[in-house]
Amino acid sequence: MARERSTKPYLIRAIFEWCVDSGFTPYLSVKVDAETRVPLEYVKNGEIVLNISPDASHHLNIAEDVVQFSARFNGISRECSIPMPAVIGISARENNQGLFFPPEPAAAPDETVAPDPEPTPPATPPAGKPRLQIVK
């Protein structure tokens, strides 16, 4: 059985195209983690907002599992690579219309989840009369 495709990259591409067609500036909101490749000096509170307009970014590729492009930061060209789970939204700078996504785990797409181990049986209560104990 084929794995179901995520709608997220398609929605990001659609909002990007709507922004460009409307003359708006598409901003990509990203939750930065260890897999995210962005200029860390611009990250605030673990997040970064990136201008991905055609004027600001080059070689933009919104793939099924990653958003990649190059952009200039303070005059220096930098390569950016954002895993799809790190994208938290895309919106137009001018009116903030767009889509924001619920947080998702940064797990590998083909990662299999191991079943929970057998539950530990509850401890048997000690035999005899229950007693109270003072805890300070």
Protein backbone atom coordinates (compact mmCIF):
# COMPACT_ATOMS: atom_id res chain seq x y z
CA MET A 1 0.00 0.00 0.00
CA ALA A 2 1.40 3.42 -0.94
CA ARG A 3 2.08 5.94 1.77
CA GLU A 4 -0.43 8.80 1.81
CA ARG A 5 1.08 12.08 0.62
CA SER A 6 1.00 15.10 2.86
CA THR A 7 -1.04 18.06 1.66
CA LYS A 8 1.35 20.51 3.34
CA PRO A 9 3.81 21.04 0.44
CA TYR A 10 0.92 21.49 -1.99
CA LEU A 11 -0.72 24.08 0.27
CA ILE A 12 2.58 25.93 0.71
CA ARG A 13 3.06 26.05 -3.08
CA ALA A 14 -0.53 27.27 -3.54
CA ILE A 15 -0.19 30.12 -1.02
CA PHE A 16 3.22 31.02 -2.50
CA GLU A 17 1.68 31.28 -5.99
CA TRP A 18 -1.30 33.26 -4.68
CA CYS A 19 1.08 35.73 -2.99
CA VAL A 20 3.19 36.18 -6.13
CA ASP A 21 0.13 36.51 -8.42
CA SER A 22 -1.40 39.08 -6.05
CA GLY A 23 1.78 41.15 -5.79
CA PHE A 24 2.29 40.16 -2.13
CA THR A 25 5.48 39.07 -0.40
CA PRO A 26 5.35 35.39 0.73
CA TYR A 27 6.83 34.89 4.19
CA LEU A 28 7.67 31.39 5.42
CA SER A 29 7.49 30.87 9.21
CA VAL A 30 9.85 28.19 10.50
CA LYS A 31 10.36 26.47 13.84
CA VAL A 32 14.13 25.93 13.86
CA ASP A 33 15.46 22.54 14.95
CA ALA A 34 18.67 20.56 14.46
CA GLU A 35 17.68 19.60 10.89
CA THR A 36 16.88 23.17 9.79
CA ARG A 37 19.58 24.98 7.81
CA VAL A 38 19.05 28.75 8.11
CA PRO A 39 21.31 31.60 9.30
CA LEU A 40 21.16 31.06 13.05
CA GLU A 41 22.02 34.68 13.84
CA TYR A 42 18.52 35.65 12.62
CA VAL A 43 16.66 33.06 14.71
CA LYS A 44 14.62 34.51 17.57
CA ASN A 45 12.93 32.35 20.21
CA GLY A 46 13.60 29.24 18.11
CA GLU A 47 11.78 30.64 15.06
CA ILE A 48 12.63 32.53 11.90
CA VAL A 49 10.48 34.22 9.25
CA LEU A 50 11.93 34.11 5.74
CA ASN A 51 11.04 36.14 2.66
CA ILE A 52 10.75 33.57 -0.13
CA SER A 53 9.60 35.95 -2.88
CA PRO A 54 11.23 35.51 -6.30
CA ASP A 55 13.13 38.79 -5.73
CA ALA A 56 14.56 37.59 -2.39
CA SER A 57 15.17 33.88 -2.96
CA HIS A 58 16.81 31.92 -5.77
CA HIS A 59 16.34 28.31 -6.86
CA LEU A 60 13.28 27.91 -4.62
CA ASN A 61 12.21 24.27 -4.43
CA ILE A 62 9.16 23.30 -2.38
CA ALA A 63 9.46 19.51 -2.41
CA GLU A 64 7.44 16.88 -0.58
CA ASP A 65 9.82 16.75 2.39
CA VAL A 66 11.86 19.99 2.29
CA VAL A 67 11.86 23.65 1.24
CA GLN A 68 15.22 24.70 -0.24
CA PHE A 69 16.49 27.98 -1.66
CA SER A 70 19.38 30.39 -1.53
CA ALA A 71 19.04 33.98 -0.32
CA ARG A 72 21.19 36.92 0.67
CA PHE A 73 21.47 37.76 4.35
CA ASN A 74 23.34 41.01 5.01
CA GLY A 75 24.78 40.76 1.48
CA ILE A 76 26.05 37.19 1.87
CA SER A 77 24.45 34.38 -0.15
CA ARG A 78 23.32 31.50 2.09
CA GLU A 79 21.72 28.15 1.33
CA CYS A 80 18.58 27.37 3.32
CA SER A 81 17.04 23.94 3.82
CA ILE A 82 13.89 23.57 5.88
CA PRO A 83 12.38 20.14 6.57
CA MET A 84 8.63 20.16 5.97
CA PRO A 85 7.79 19.44 9.66
CA ALA A 86 9.65 22.65 10.62
CA VAL A 87 7.40 24.85 8.44
CA ILE A 88 4.76 26.37 10.68
CA GLY A 89 3.16 28.72 8.19
CA ILE A 90 3.21 30.73 4.99
CA SER A 91 1.52 34.10 4.66
CA ALA A 92 1.57 37.41 2.81
CA ARG A 93 3.58 40.10 4.56
CA GLU A 94 1.14 42.79 3.47
CA ASN A 95 -2.06 41.35 5.00
CA ASN A 96 -0.92 38.27 6.99
CA GLN A 97 -3.33 36.04 5.04
CA GLY A 98 -2.12 32.52 4.51
CA LEU A 99 -1.99 29.18 6.26
CA PHE A 100 -0.50 28.15 9.57
CA PHE A 101 0.01 24.49 10.37
CA PRO A 102 -0.30 22.59 13.65
CA PRO A 103 3.02 21.44 15.11
CA GLU A 104 4.16 18.04 13.91
CA PRO A 105 6.94 15.77 15.13
CA ALA A 106 10.21 15.92 13.21
CA ALA A 107 10.29 12.17 12.62
CA ALA A 108 11.65 10.60 9.48
CA PRO A 109 8.86 9.81 7.00
CA ASP A 110 9.73 6.11 6.77
CA GLU A 111 10.37 5.69 10.49
CA THR A 112 8.39 2.84 11.95
CA VAL A 113 6.98 3.18 15.41
CA ALA A 114 7.96 0.40 17.75
CA PRO A 115 5.09 -1.08 19.73
CA ASP A 116 4.90 -0.22 23.39
CA PRO A 117 6.66 -2.76 25.59
CA GLU A 118 4.54 -5.10 27.63
CA PRO A 119 2.97 -3.18 30.49
CA THR A 120 4.48 -3.86 33.88
CA PRO A 121 2.02 -5.62 36.15
CA PRO A 122 0.96 -3.53 39.12
CA ALA A 123 2.92 -4.13 42.27
CA THR A 124 1.11 -6.30 44.76
CA PRO A 125 0.33 -4.46 47.96
CA PRO A 126 2.17 -5.65 51.04
CA ALA A 127 0.28 -8.14 53.11
CA GLY A 128 -1.02 -7.13 56.48
CA LYS A 129 -2.77 -4.15 57.96
CA PRO A 130 -2.34 -0.78 56.15
CA ARG A 131 -0.63 1.91 58.16
CA LEU A 132 -0.17 5.67 57.86
CA GLN A 133 3.22 7.25 57.70
CA ILE A 134 4.04 10.90 58.49
CA VAL A 135 5.87 12.64 55.65
CA LYS A 136 7.61 15.93 56.40
